[in-house]
Amino acid sequence: MKRIATGALALWVMAVAGPSVAQTLQENNERMFRQMQSERGLSDATMKRVRQIFAGSSYIGQGNPAVTRHPMTPQEARARLPAPPERLYRNARFERICGAKYMAPLYDPKTEAPGDAEVCVDMFEYPNIPMVYPVTWVKASEAAELCAAEGKRMGDAHEWEGASAGRLLEPDYFFNMGHGGARAAHNRKYAPTRRYSIGQQWQRGVCATGSFKSGSCNGGSFRGCGSNTYPAGSFPECKSPLGVYDLDGNAAEHMNLPMSPDQMASRGSRKLGVTEMKGSWFIWDQVRAHKHWSRWRAPYWHGSRVMSSGSHRNYHLGFRCFKDVK
């Protein structure tokens, strides 16, 4: 094999270039844990807590290896990129603002600069490493715990929506209207100016939406449904104006929908509100199961409190983390 890298880059290539599916979920997870520590520099203490959370579930990971068939390998994904991922996706200014790799500041470009941001968001779905498959089969409560393990948090719905739309607005919740009324009022407000993370019109093939649903998938079982996702960042044009990737496509994402001001993660709440499912997922160029423009809020599908031990999980649902920086 031709030697293509040395030093730290060689270690990175070795970490991500293994086979796309190992024999067991636990083997896949262990490989991912090594990638998280080597590529993002997470401490032993952080990784111990992450392992503890994963150990509490028989599902969390990059999909059930017995049925998951990823449509693209990390090697194939890297070959699509205009530059090596460690150069394409690293942003020194963002890292200074956010204090971590692979995060983007959220702000309003009309009135602010990136350095004015008070919150940052992971550029990629968890584990937030380019060319690595996103984690699925995770409950909202587990997602919140995994973010907390890294000193981050789950985002509020308006933060995810701002990351996608390209402009972080002030919180815009219709409290005291119940979920249905609040959702309808919100969607009416933003429908006239709706857009996707990639622009005013949906474009097939721009995001990680060309995969397939397993033939054995019978509604959502772990044994029958493969998490047939792409490596994160495989589609470099699938980027929001604020520099956040894969908000459309790959995995849908858990988010916190506060039902009162004291449930807002952005204001320090730890009890949080109810679950909101954001974005689209990996079969969207074949099956458009629901709307997904940036500020669209979904019906209360599989709804629960975020921190409920019975919060929903499935084969196409993941998450990303947010971090307060000021």
C-alpha atoms as a PDB file:
ATOM      1  CA  MET A   1       0.000   0.000   0.000  1.00  0.00           C
ATOM      2  CA  LYS A   2       1.283   3.448  -0.912  1.00  0.00           C
ATOM      3  CA  ARG A   3       2.197   5.499   2.125  1.00  0.00           C
ATOM      4  CA  ILE A   4       0.111   8.665   2.034  1.00  0.00           C
ATOM      5  CA  ALA A   5       0.614  10.198   5.464  1.00  0.00           C
ATOM      6  CA  THR A   6       2.987  10.454   8.371  1.00  0.00           C
ATOM      7  CA  GLY A   7       2.834  11.473  12.006  1.00  0.00           C
ATOM      8  CA  ALA A   8      -0.494  12.584  13.426  1.00  0.00           C
ATOM      9  CA  LEU A   9      -2.190  12.416  10.031  1.00  0.00           C
ATOM     10  CA  ALA A  10      -1.142   8.803   9.636  1.00  0.00           C
ATOM     11  CA  LEU A  11      -2.683   7.968  12.993  1.00  0.00           C
ATOM     12  CA  TRP A  12      -5.898   9.666  11.914  1.00  0.00           C
ATOM     13  CA  VAL A  13      -5.998   7.726   8.655  1.00  0.00           C
ATOM     14  CA  MET A  14      -5.430   4.448  10.494  1.00  0.00           C
ATOM     15  CA  ALA A  15      -8.218   5.296  12.936  1.00  0.00           C
ATOM     16  CA  VAL A  16     -10.887   5.923  10.305  1.00  0.00           C
ATOM     17  CA  ALA A  17      -9.849   3.645   7.470  1.00  0.00           C
ATOM     18  CA  GLY A  18     -10.970   0.323   8.925  1.00  0.00           C
ATOM     19  CA  PRO A  19     -13.822  -1.762   7.525  1.00  0.00           C
ATOM     20  CA  SER A  20     -17.184   0.018   7.526  1.00  0.00           C
ATOM     21  CA  VAL A  21     -18.826  -2.635   9.721  1.00  0.00           C
ATOM     22  CA  ALA A  22     -17.147  -4.717  12.420  1.00  0.00           C
ATOM     23  CA  GLN A  23     -18.479  -8.033  13.690  1.00  0.00           C
ATOM     24  CA  THR A  24     -20.333  -6.678  16.697  1.00  0.00           C
ATOM     25  CA  LEU A  25     -21.879  -3.443  17.909  1.00  0.00           C
ATOM     26  CA  GLN A  26     -19.399  -3.372  20.789  1.00  0.00           C
ATOM     27  CA  GLU A  27     -16.423  -3.638  18.404  1.00  0.00           C
ATOM     28  CA  ASN A  28     -17.791  -0.801  16.305  1.00  0.00           C
ATOM     29  CA  ASN A  29     -18.258   1.313  19.418  1.00  0.00           C
ATOM     30  CA  GLU A  30     -14.767   0.648  20.714  1.00  0.00           C
ATOM     31  CA  ARG A  31     -13.292   1.696  17.391  1.00  0.00           C
ATOM     32  CA  MET A  32     -15.406   4.851  17.513  1.00  0.00           C
ATOM     33  CA  PHE A  33     -14.280   5.619  21.077  1.00  0.00           C
ATOM     34  CA  ARG A  34     -10.651   5.448  19.925  1.00  0.00           C
ATOM     35  CA  GLN A  35     -11.471   7.817  17.068  1.00  0.00           C
ATOM     36  CA  MET A  36     -13.154  10.262  19.438  1.00  0.00           C
ATOM     37  CA  GLN A  37     -10.158  10.351  21.737  1.00  0.00           C
ATOM     38  CA  SER A  38      -7.483  10.522  19.034  1.00  0.00           C
ATOM     39  CA  GLU A  39      -9.233  12.967  16.693  1.00  0.00           C
ATOM     40  CA  ARG A  40     -10.975  15.257  19.205  1.00  0.00           C
ATOM     41  CA  GLY A  41      -8.578  14.907  22.128  1.00  0.00           C
ATOM     42  CA  LEU A  42     -11.171  13.857  24.702  1.00  0.00           C
ATOM     43  CA  SER A  43      -9.788  13.019  28.120  1.00  0.00           C
ATOM     44  CA  ASP A  44      -9.720   9.595  29.745  1.00  0.00           C
ATOM     45  CA  ALA A  45     -12.282  10.812  32.299  1.00  0.00           C
ATOM     46  CA  THR A  46     -14.634  11.985  29.559  1.00  0.00           C
ATOM     47  CA  MET A  47     -14.285   8.727  27.662  1.00  0.00           C
ATOM     48  CA  LYS A  48     -14.952   6.746  30.835  1.00  0.00           C
ATOM     49  CA  ARG A  49     -18.276   8.533  31.251  1.00  0.00           C
ATOM     50  CA  VAL A  50     -19.124   8.084  27.552  1.00  0.00           C
ATOM     51  CA  ARG A  51     -18.441   4.352  27.841  1.00  0.00           C
ATOM     52  CA  GLN A  52     -20.653   4.132  30.908  1.00  0.00           C
ATOM     53  CA  ILE A  53     -23.576   5.664  29.029  1.00  0.00           C
ATOM     54  CA  PHE A  54     -23.102   3.363  26.049  1.00  0.00           C
ATOM     55  CA  ALA A  55     -22.813   0.375  28.389  1.00  0.00           C
ATOM     56  CA  GLY A  56     -26.312   1.093  29.679  1.00  0.00           C
ATOM     57  CA  SER A  57     -27.817   0.330  26.271  1.00  0.00           C
ATOM     58  CA  SER A  58     -27.810  -2.653  23.929  1.00  0.00           C
ATOM     59  CA  TYR A  59     -28.670  -0.405  20.984  1.00  0.00           C
ATOM     60  CA  ILE A  60     -26.553   2.773  20.851  1.00  0.00           C
ATOM     61  CA  GLY A  61     -23.995   2.776  18.069  1.00  0.00           C
ATOM     62  CA  GLN A  62     -23.623   3.271  14.347  1.00  0.00           C
ATOM     63  CA  GLY A  63     -26.375   0.772  13.573  1.00  0.00           C
ATOM     64  CA  ASN A  64     -26.955  -2.941  14.044  1.00  0.00           C
ATOM     65  CA  PRO A  65     -24.027  -4.528  12.162  1.00  0.00           C
ATOM     66  CA  ALA A  66     -26.138  -7.560  11.258  1.00  0.00           C
ATOM     67  CA  VAL A  67     -28.399  -5.522   8.970  1.00  0.00           C
ATOM     68  CA  THR A  68     -26.690  -2.151   8.427  1.00  0.00           C
ATOM     69  CA  ARG A  69     -25.273  -1.687   4.931  1.00  0.00           C
ATOM     70  CA  HIS A  70     -23.643   1.713   4.578  1.00  0.00           C
ATOM     71  CA  PRO A  71     -23.837   3.010   0.997  1.00  0.00           C
ATOM     72  CA  MET A  72     -20.378   4.570   1.191  1.00  0.00           C
ATOM     73  CA  THR A  73     -17.148   3.699   3.000  1.00  0.00           C
ATOM     74  CA  PRO A  74     -14.955   6.307   4.693  1.00  0.00           C
ATOM     75  CA  GLN A  75     -12.363   5.741   1.965  1.00  0.00           C
ATOM     76  CA  GLU A  76     -14.925   6.405  -0.759  1.00  0.00           C
ATOM     77  CA  ALA A  77     -16.176   9.460   1.086  1.00  0.00           C
ATOM     78  CA  ARG A  78     -12.664  10.932   1.381  1.00  0.00           C
ATOM     79  CA  ALA A  79     -12.127  10.433  -2.340  1.00  0.00           C
ATOM     80  CA  ARG A  80     -15.119  12.748  -3.008  1.00  0.00           C
ATOM     81  CA  LEU A  81     -13.673  15.671  -1.080  1.00  0.00           C
ATOM     82  CA  PRO A  82     -11.868  18.610  -2.738  1.00  0.00           C
ATOM     83  CA  ALA A  83      -9.266  18.563   0.062  1.00  0.00           C
ATOM     84  CA  PRO A  84      -8.266  16.229   2.923  1.00  0.00           C
ATOM     85  CA  PRO A  85     -10.931  16.303   5.657  1.00  0.00           C
ATOM     86  CA  GLU A  86      -8.528  17.495   8.341  1.00  0.00           C
ATOM     87  CA  ARG A  87      -7.888  20.568   6.179  1.00  0.00           C
ATOM     88  CA  LEU A  88     -11.355  21.037   4.711  1.00  0.00           C
ATOM     89  CA  TYR A  89     -13.250  20.875   8.000  1.00  0.00           C
ATOM     90  CA  ARG A  90     -10.814  22.499  10.431  1.00  0.00           C
ATOM     91  CA  ASN A  91     -11.420  26.180  11.145  1.00  0.00           C
ATOM     92  CA  ALA A  92      -8.879  27.818  13.451  1.00  0.00           C
ATOM     93  CA  ARG A  93     -11.090  30.839  14.134  1.00  0.00           C
ATOM     94  CA  PHE A  94     -14.065  28.675  15.062  1.00  0.00           C
ATOM     95  CA  GLU A  95     -11.861  26.572  17.341  1.00  0.00           C
ATOM     96  CA  ARG A  96     -10.695  29.684  19.190  1.00  0.00           C
ATOM     97  CA  ILE A  97     -14.278  30.871  19.642  1.00  0.00           C
ATOM     98  CA  CYS A  98     -15.747  27.502  20.606  1.00  0.00           C
ATOM     99  CA  GLY A  99     -12.776  26.028  22.461  1.00  0.00           C
ATOM    100  CA  ALA A 100     -13.138  22.707  20.666  1.00  0.00           C
ATOM    101  CA  LYS A 101     -12.596  21.087  17.283  1.00  0.00           C
ATOM    102  CA  TYR A 102     -15.391  20.671  14.767  1.00  0.00           C
ATOM    103  CA  MET A 103     -17.753  23.233  16.256  1.00  0.00           C
ATOM    104  CA  ALA A 104     -19.317  26.317  14.653  1.00  0.00           C
ATOM    105  CA  PRO A 105     -20.454  29.538  16.384  1.00  0.00           C
ATOM    106  CA  LEU A 106     -24.125  30.501  16.093  1.00  0.00           C
ATOM    107  CA  TYR A 107     -24.925  34.168  15.561  1.00  0.00           C
ATOM    108  CA  ASP A 108     -26.901  36.584  13.374  1.00  0.00           C
ATOM    109  CA  PRO A 109     -24.658  37.646  10.444  1.00  0.00           C
ATOM    110  CA  LYS A 110     -26.816  40.758   9.909  1.00  0.00           C
ATOM    111  CA  THR A 111     -25.873  42.265  13.249  1.00  0.00           C
ATOM    112  CA  GLU A 112     -23.050  40.142  14.698  1.00  0.00           C
ATOM    113  CA  ALA A 113     -19.663  38.604  13.953  1.00  0.00           C
ATOM    114  CA  PRO A 114     -18.746  34.965  14.741  1.00  0.00           C
ATOM    115  CA  GLY A 115     -16.872  36.144  17.813  1.00  0.00           C
ATOM    116  CA  ASP A 116     -20.103  37.546  19.257  1.00  0.00           C
ATOM    117  CA  ALA A 117     -21.603  34.055  19.491  1.00  0.00           C
ATOM    118  CA  GLU A 118     -22.602  32.806  22.919  1.00  0.00           C
ATOM    119  CA  VAL A 119     -23.229  29.250  21.778  1.00  0.00           C
ATOM    120  CA  CYS A 120     -21.570  26.819  19.375  1.00  0.00           C
ATOM    121  CA  VAL A 121     -22.859  23.655  17.726  1.00  0.00           C
ATOM    122  CA  ASP A 122     -21.136  20.474  16.583  1.00  0.00           C
ATOM    123  CA  MET A 123     -20.424  20.689  12.878  1.00  0.00           C
ATOM    124  CA  PHE A 124     -21.337  17.016  12.481  1.00  0.00           C
ATOM    125  CA  GLU A 125     -23.716  14.564  14.084  1.00  0.00           C
ATOM    126  CA  TYR A 126     -22.340  12.706  17.105  1.00  0.00           C
ATOM    127  CA  PRO A 127     -19.578  11.539  17.469  1.00  0.00           C
ATOM    128  CA  ASN A 128     -18.762  14.765  15.586  1.00  0.00           C
ATOM    129  CA  ILE A 129     -15.894  13.462  13.476  1.00  0.00           C
ATOM    130  CA  PRO A 130     -15.751  13.831   9.683  1.00  0.00           C
ATOM    131  CA  MET A 131     -15.735  10.561   7.739  1.00  0.00           C
ATOM    132  CA  VAL A 132     -17.238   8.638  10.691  1.00  0.00           C
ATOM    133  CA  TYR A 133     -20.785   7.228  10.688  1.00  0.00           C
ATOM    134  CA  PRO A 134     -23.276   8.983  12.995  1.00  0.00           C
ATOM    135  CA  VAL A 135     -24.570   7.332  16.150  1.00  0.00           C
ATOM    136  CA  THR A 136     -28.200   6.165  16.032  1.00  0.00           C
ATOM    137  CA  TRP A 137     -30.533   4.111  18.258  1.00  0.00           C
ATOM    138  CA  VAL A 138     -29.997   6.674  21.008  1.00  0.00           C
ATOM    139  CA  LYS A 139     -32.716   7.946  23.334  1.00  0.00           C
ATOM    140  CA  ALA A 140     -33.105  11.686  23.852  1.00  0.00           C
ATOM    141  CA  SER A 141     -32.169  11.195  27.502  1.00  0.00           C
ATOM    142  CA  GLU A 142     -28.975   9.362  26.510  1.00  0.00           C
ATOM    143  CA  ALA A 143     -28.142  12.058  23.962  1.00  0.00           C
ATOM    144  CA  ALA A 144     -28.432  14.714  26.665  1.00  0.00           C
ATOM    145  CA  GLU A 145     -26.182  12.664  28.962  1.00  0.00           C
ATOM    146  CA  LEU A 146     -23.567  12.137  26.253  1.00  0.00           C
ATOM    147  CA  CYS A 147     -23.441  15.856  25.502  1.00  0.00           C
ATOM    148  CA  ALA A 148     -23.078  16.605  29.216  1.00  0.00           C
ATOM    149  CA  ALA A 149     -20.195  14.140  29.442  1.00  0.00           C
ATOM    150  CA  GLU A 150     -18.231  16.476  27.149  1.00  0.00           C
ATOM    151  CA  GLY A 151     -19.250  19.685  28.917  1.00  0.00           C
ATOM    152  CA  LYS A 152     -21.821  20.385  26.207  1.00  0.00           C
ATOM    153  CA  ARG A 153     -25.611  20.175  26.158  1.00  0.00           C
ATOM    154  CA  MET A 154     -28.610  19.337  24.020  1.00  0.00           C
ATOM    155  CA  GLY A 155     -29.776  22.276  21.944  1.00  0.00           C
ATOM    156  CA  ASP A 156     -33.105  24.041  22.056  1.00  0.00           C
ATOM    157  CA  ALA A 157     -35.233  23.845  18.910  1.00  0.00           C
ATOM    158  CA  HIS A 158     -34.610  27.483  17.947  1.00  0.00           C
ATOM    159  CA  GLU A 159     -30.841  26.938  18.091  1.00  0.00           C
ATOM    160  CA  TRP A 160     -30.944  23.992  15.692  1.00  0.00           C
ATOM    161  CA  GLU A 161     -33.270  25.970  13.433  1.00  0.00           C
ATOM    162  CA  GLY A 162     -30.906  28.934  13.427  1.00  0.00           C
ATOM    163  CA  ALA A 163     -27.931  26.710  12.658  1.00  0.00           C
ATOM    164  CA  SER A 164     -29.828  25.436   9.623  1.00  0.00           C
ATOM    165  CA  ALA A 165     -31.399  28.685   8.434  1.00  0.00           C
ATOM    166  CA  GLY A 166     -28.171  30.661   8.788  1.00  0.00           C
ATOM    167  CA  ARG A 167     -29.291  33.157  11.404  1.00  0.00           C
ATOM    168  CA  LEU A 168     -29.711  32.531  15.119  1.00  0.00           C
ATOM    169  CA  LEU A 169     -32.751  34.440  16.334  1.00  0.00           C
ATOM    170  CA  GLU A 170     -33.987  35.079  19.832  1.00  0.00           C
ATOM    171  CA  PRO A 171     -36.097  32.234  21.315  1.00  0.00           C
ATOM    172  CA  ASP A 172     -39.491  32.164  19.629  1.00  0.00           C
ATOM    173  CA  TYR A 173     -41.728  29.809  21.575  1.00  0.00           C
ATOM    174  CA  PHE A 174     -45.496  29.991  21.961  1.00  0.00           C
ATOM    175  CA  PHE A 175     -45.710  28.931  25.583  1.00  0.00           C
ATOM    176  CA  ASN A 176     -49.073  28.112  27.190  1.00  0.00           C
ATOM    177  CA  MET A 177     -50.567  26.957  23.883  1.00  0.00           C
ATOM    178  CA  GLY A 178     -49.819  23.250  24.233  1.00  0.00           C
ATOM    179  CA  HIS A 179     -47.647  21.359  21.760  1.00  0.00           C
ATOM    180  CA  GLY A 180     -50.135  21.327  18.900  1.00  0.00           C
ATOM    181  CA  GLY A 181     -51.095  24.979  19.107  1.00  0.00           C
ATOM    182  CA  ALA A 182     -47.527  26.156  19.585  1.00  0.00           C
ATOM    183  CA  ARG A 183     -46.312  24.080  16.642  1.00  0.00           C
ATOM    184  CA  ALA A 184     -49.028  25.422  14.338  1.00  0.00           C
ATOM    185  CA  ALA A 185     -48.375  29.029  15.336  1.00  0.00           C
ATOM    186  CA  HIS A 186     -44.627  28.635  14.836  1.00  0.00           C
ATOM    187  CA  ASN A 187     -44.968  27.013  11.416  1.00  0.00           C
ATOM    188  CA  ARG A 188     -47.381  29.705  10.234  1.00  0.00           C
ATOM    189  CA  LYS A 189     -44.902  32.364  11.300  1.00  0.00           C
ATOM    190  CA  TYR A 190     -41.958  30.939   9.365  1.00  0.00           C
ATOM    191  CA  ALA A 191     -43.631  29.292   6.357  1.00  0.00           C
ATOM    192  CA  PRO A 192     -43.480  32.461   4.184  1.00  0.00           C
ATOM    193  CA  THR A 193     -39.676  32.568   4.484  1.00  0.00           C
ATOM    194  CA  ARG A 194     -38.944  28.862   4.641  1.00  0.00           C
ATOM    195  CA  ARG A 195     -35.620  27.528   3.461  1.00  0.00           C
ATOM    196  CA  TYR A 196     -33.456  24.433   3.893  1.00  0.00           C
ATOM    197  CA  SER A 197     -29.937  24.311   5.251  1.00  0.00           C
ATOM    198  CA  ILE A 198     -28.714  24.224   1.631  1.00  0.00           C
ATOM    199  CA  GLY A 199     -30.870  27.034   0.232  1.00  0.00           C
ATOM    200  CA  GLN A 200     -34.340  28.200  -0.705  1.00  0.00           C
ATOM    201  CA  GLN A 201     -35.129  25.083  -2.748  1.00  0.00           C
ATOM    202  CA  TRP A 202     -34.523  21.423  -1.944  1.00  0.00           C
ATOM    203  CA  GLN A 203     -31.900  19.861  -4.214  1.00  0.00           C
ATOM    204  CA  ARG A 204     -31.617  16.118  -4.679  1.00  0.00           C
ATOM    205  CA  GLY A 205     -28.149  14.628  -4.341  1.00  0.00           C
ATOM    206  CA  VAL A 206     -26.599  17.538  -2.431  1.00  0.00           C
ATOM    207  CA  CYS A 207     -26.974  15.908   0.995  1.00  0.00           C
ATOM    208  CA  ALA A 208     -26.638  12.363   2.361  1.00  0.00           C
ATOM    209  CA  THR A 209     -30.151  11.406   1.277  1.00  0.00           C
ATOM    210  CA  GLY A 210     -29.614   8.806  -1.463  1.00  0.00           C
ATOM    211  CA  SER A 211     -29.392   5.675   0.688  1.00  0.00           C
ATOM    212  CA  PHE A 212     -32.032   2.980   1.143  1.00  0.00           C
ATOM    213  CA  LYS A 213     -34.271   1.473   3.776  1.00  0.00           C
ATOM    214  CA  SER A 214     -33.535  -2.160   4.640  1.00  0.00           C
ATOM    215  CA  GLY A 215     -35.940  -4.582   2.970  1.00  0.00           C
ATOM    216  CA  SER A 216     -36.374  -6.277   6.344  1.00  0.00           C
ATOM    217  CA  CYS A 217     -37.277  -3.034   8.121  1.00  0.00           C
ATOM    218  CA  ASN A 218     -40.721  -3.667   9.547  1.00  0.00           C
ATOM    219  CA  GLY A 219     -41.461  -0.328  11.097  1.00  0.00           C
ATOM    220  CA  GLY A 220     -38.481   0.162  13.335  1.00  0.00           C
ATOM    221  CA  SER A 221     -37.042  -3.016  14.865  1.00  0.00           C
ATOM    222  CA  PHE A 222     -33.366  -3.238  15.796  1.00  0.00           C
ATOM    223  CA  ARG A 223     -33.080  -6.641  14.129  1.00  0.00           C
ATOM    224  CA  GLY A 224     -34.745  -5.579  10.894  1.00  0.00           C
ATOM    225  CA  CYS A 225     -33.731  -1.965  10.284  1.00  0.00           C
ATOM    226  CA  GLY A 226     -30.231  -0.984   9.236  1.00  0.00           C
ATOM    227  CA  SER A 227     -28.835   2.458   9.967  1.00  0.00           C
ATOM    228  CA  ASN A 228     -27.696   2.791   6.363  1.00  0.00           C
ATOM    229  CA  THR A 229     -26.013   6.161   6.849  1.00  0.00           C
ATOM    230  CA  TYR A 230     -23.093   7.844   5.111  1.00  0.00           C
ATOM    231  CA  PRO A 231     -19.855   8.957   6.771  1.00  0.00           C
ATOM    232  CA  ALA A 232     -20.327  12.427   8.256  1.00  0.00           C
ATOM    233  CA  GLY A 233     -19.281  15.177   5.866  1.00  0.00           C
ATOM    234  CA  SER A 234     -19.422  12.942   2.789  1.00  0.00           C
ATOM    235  CA  PHE A 235     -21.320  15.695   0.981  1.00  0.00           C
ATOM    236  CA  PRO A 236     -19.316  18.910   1.535  1.00  0.00           C
ATOM    237  CA  GLU A 237     -21.963  21.059  -0.170  1.00  0.00           C
ATOM    238  CA  CYS A 238     -24.533  19.948   2.411  1.00  0.00           C
ATOM    239  CA  LYS A 239     -23.597  22.854   4.647  1.00  0.00           C
ATOM    240  CA  SER A 240     -25.643  25.599   6.245  1.00  0.00           C
ATOM    241  CA  PRO A 241     -24.643  29.273   5.904  1.00  0.00           C
ATOM    242  CA  LEU A 242     -23.170  29.071   9.420  1.00  0.00           C
ATOM    243  CA  GLY A 243     -20.903  26.139   8.532  1.00  0.00           C
ATOM    244  CA  VAL A 244     -22.879  23.215   9.985  1.00  0.00           C
ATOM    245  CA  TYR A 245     -23.007  19.953   8.001  1.00  0.00           C
ATOM    246  CA  ASP A 246     -25.569  17.185   7.505  1.00  0.00           C
ATOM    247  CA  LEU A 247     -28.482  19.022   9.074  1.00  0.00           C
ATOM    248  CA  ASP A 248     -30.362  17.577   6.138  1.00  0.00           C
ATOM    249  CA  GLY A 249     -29.749  13.903   5.444  1.00  0.00           C
ATOM    250  CA  ASN A 250     -27.866  11.155   7.272  1.00  0.00           C
ATOM    251  CA  ALA A 251     -29.563  10.949  10.703  1.00  0.00           C
ATOM    252  CA  ALA A 252     -32.555  12.895  11.933  1.00  0.00           C
ATOM    253  CA  GLU A 253     -31.718  14.598  15.229  1.00  0.00           C
ATOM    254  CA  HIS A 254     -33.101  14.798  18.759  1.00  0.00           C
ATOM    255  CA  MET A 255     -33.680  18.310  20.045  1.00  0.00           C
ATOM    256  CA  ASN A 256     -35.183  19.918  23.135  1.00  0.00           C
ATOM    257  CA  LEU A 257     -38.532  21.683  22.678  1.00  0.00           C
ATOM    258  CA  PRO A 258     -39.191  23.725  25.825  1.00  0.00           C
ATOM    259  CA  MET A 259     -42.816  24.074  26.837  1.00  0.00           C
ATOM    260  CA  SER A 260     -42.059  26.829  29.371  1.00  0.00           C
ATOM    261  CA  PRO A 261     -39.133  29.233  29.958  1.00  0.00           C
ATOM    262  CA  ASP A 262     -37.713  27.071  32.755  1.00  0.00           C
ATOM    263  CA  GLN A 263     -37.230  24.162  30.311  1.00  0.00           C
ATOM    264  CA  MET A 264     -34.812  25.971  27.991  1.00  0.00           C
ATOM    265  CA  ALA A 265     -31.370  24.389  27.739  1.00  0.00           C
ATOM    266  CA  SER A 266     -30.081  27.704  26.391  1.00  0.00           C
ATOM    267  CA  ARG A 267     -30.940  29.269  29.752  1.00  0.00           C
ATOM    268  CA  GLY A 268     -29.288  26.563  31.805  1.00  0.00           C
ATOM    269  CA  SER A 269     -32.230  24.231  32.426  1.00  0.00           C
ATOM    270  CA  ARG A 270     -31.371  20.616  33.140  1.00  0.00           C
ATOM    271  CA  LYS A 271     -34.898  19.293  33.385  1.00  0.00           C
ATOM    272  CA  LEU A 272     -35.577  20.244  29.741  1.00  0.00           C
ATOM    273  CA  GLY A 273     -38.831  20.024  27.814  1.00  0.00           C
ATOM    274  CA  VAL A 274     -40.196  17.522  25.308  1.00  0.00           C
ATOM    275  CA  THR A 275     -38.591  15.794  22.358  1.00  0.00           C
ATOM    276  CA  GLU A 276     -38.491  17.363  18.904  1.00  0.00           C
ATOM    277  CA  MET A 277     -37.173  15.497  15.832  1.00  0.00           C
ATOM    278  CA  LYS A 278     -35.209  17.741  13.492  1.00  0.00           C
ATOM    279  CA  GLY A 279     -34.058  17.442   9.896  1.00  0.00           C
ATOM    280  CA  SER A 280     -34.396  14.670   7.362  1.00  0.00           C
ATOM    281  CA  TRP A 281     -32.619  11.356   7.033  1.00  0.00           C
ATOM    282  CA  PHE A 282     -30.738   9.060   4.703  1.00  0.00           C
ATOM    283  CA  ILE A 283     -33.534   7.999   2.306  1.00  0.00           C
ATOM    284  CA  TRP A 284     -34.949  11.467   1.667  1.00  0.00           C
ATOM    285  CA  ASP A 285     -34.240  11.526  -2.067  1.00  0.00           C
ATOM    286  CA  GLN A 286     -36.527   8.484  -2.369  1.00  0.00           C
ATOM    287  CA  VAL A 287     -39.042   8.967   0.454  1.00  0.00           C
ATOM    288  CA  ARG A 288     -40.058  12.392   1.745  1.00  0.00           C
ATOM    289  CA  ALA A 289     -41.939  11.254   4.840  1.00  0.00           C
ATOM    290  CA  HIS A 290     -42.523  14.747   6.255  1.00  0.00           C
ATOM    291  CA  LYS A 291     -41.569  18.377   5.813  1.00  0.00           C
ATOM    292  CA  HIS A 292     -38.147  19.399   7.048  1.00  0.00           C
ATOM    293  CA  TRP A 293     -37.398  23.001   6.140  1.00  0.00           C
ATOM    294  CA  SER A 294     -35.128  24.662   8.649  1.00  0.00           C
ATOM    295  CA  ARG A 295     -37.677  26.099  11.057  1.00  0.00           C
ATOM    296  CA  TRP A 296     -40.424  23.514  10.597  1.00  0.00           C
ATOM    297  CA  ARG A 297     -41.507  21.932  13.876  1.00  0.00           C
ATOM    298  CA  ALA A 298     -42.769  18.382  13.723  1.00  0.00           C
ATOM    299  CA  PRO A 299     -45.891  16.858  15.267  1.00  0.00           C
ATOM    300  CA  TYR A 300     -45.436  15.173  18.629  1.00  0.00           C
ATOM    301  CA  TRP A 301     -44.233  11.898  17.085  1.00  0.00           C
ATOM    302  CA  HIS A 302     -43.091   9.368  19.719  1.00  0.00           C
ATOM    303  CA  GLY A 303     -43.145  12.321  22.087  1.00  0.00           C
ATOM    304  CA  SER A 304     -41.923  12.283  25.670  1.00  0.00           C
ATOM    305  CA  ARG A 305     -40.000  14.463  28.062  1.00  0.00           C
ATOM    306  CA  VAL A 306     -36.399  14.668  26.883  1.00  0.00           C
ATOM    307  CA  MET A 307     -35.066  13.208  30.121  1.00  0.00           C
ATOM    308  CA  SER A 308     -37.605  10.375  30.301  1.00  0.00           C
ATOM    309  CA  SER A 309     -35.976   6.953  30.478  1.00  0.00           C
ATOM    310  CA  GLY A 310     -38.550   5.880  27.897  1.00  0.00           C
ATOM    311  CA  SER A 311     -37.735   8.552  25.302  1.00  0.00           C
ATOM    312  CA  HIS A 312     -37.776   7.341  21.716  1.00  0.00           C
ATOM    313  CA  ARG A 313     -34.934   5.719  19.772  1.00  0.00           C
ATOM    314  CA  ASN A 314     -34.733   4.271  16.269  1.00  0.00           C
ATOM    315  CA  TYR A 315     -32.476   3.416  13.370  1.00  0.00           C
ATOM    316  CA  HIS A 316     -32.440   6.836  11.694  1.00  0.00           C
ATOM    317  CA  LEU A 317     -32.404   9.108  14.741  1.00  0.00           C
ATOM    318  CA  GLY A 318     -29.231  10.616  16.178  1.00  0.00           C
ATOM    319  CA  PHE A 319     -28.177  13.971  17.649  1.00  0.00           C
ATOM    320  CA  ARG A 320     -25.531  16.673  17.837  1.00  0.00           C
ATOM    321  CA  CYS A 321     -24.373  18.742  20.803  1.00  0.00           C
ATOM    322  CA  PHE A 322     -24.276  22.448  21.604  1.00  0.00           C
ATOM    323  CA  LYS A 323     -21.898  24.335  23.879  1.00  0.00           C
ATOM    324  CA  ASP A 324     -22.210  27.636  25.732  1.00  0.00           C
ATOM    325  CA  VAL A 325     -19.068  29.724  25.252  1.00  0.00           C
ATOM    326  CA  LYS A 326     -19.751  32.977  27.126  1.00  0.00           C
END
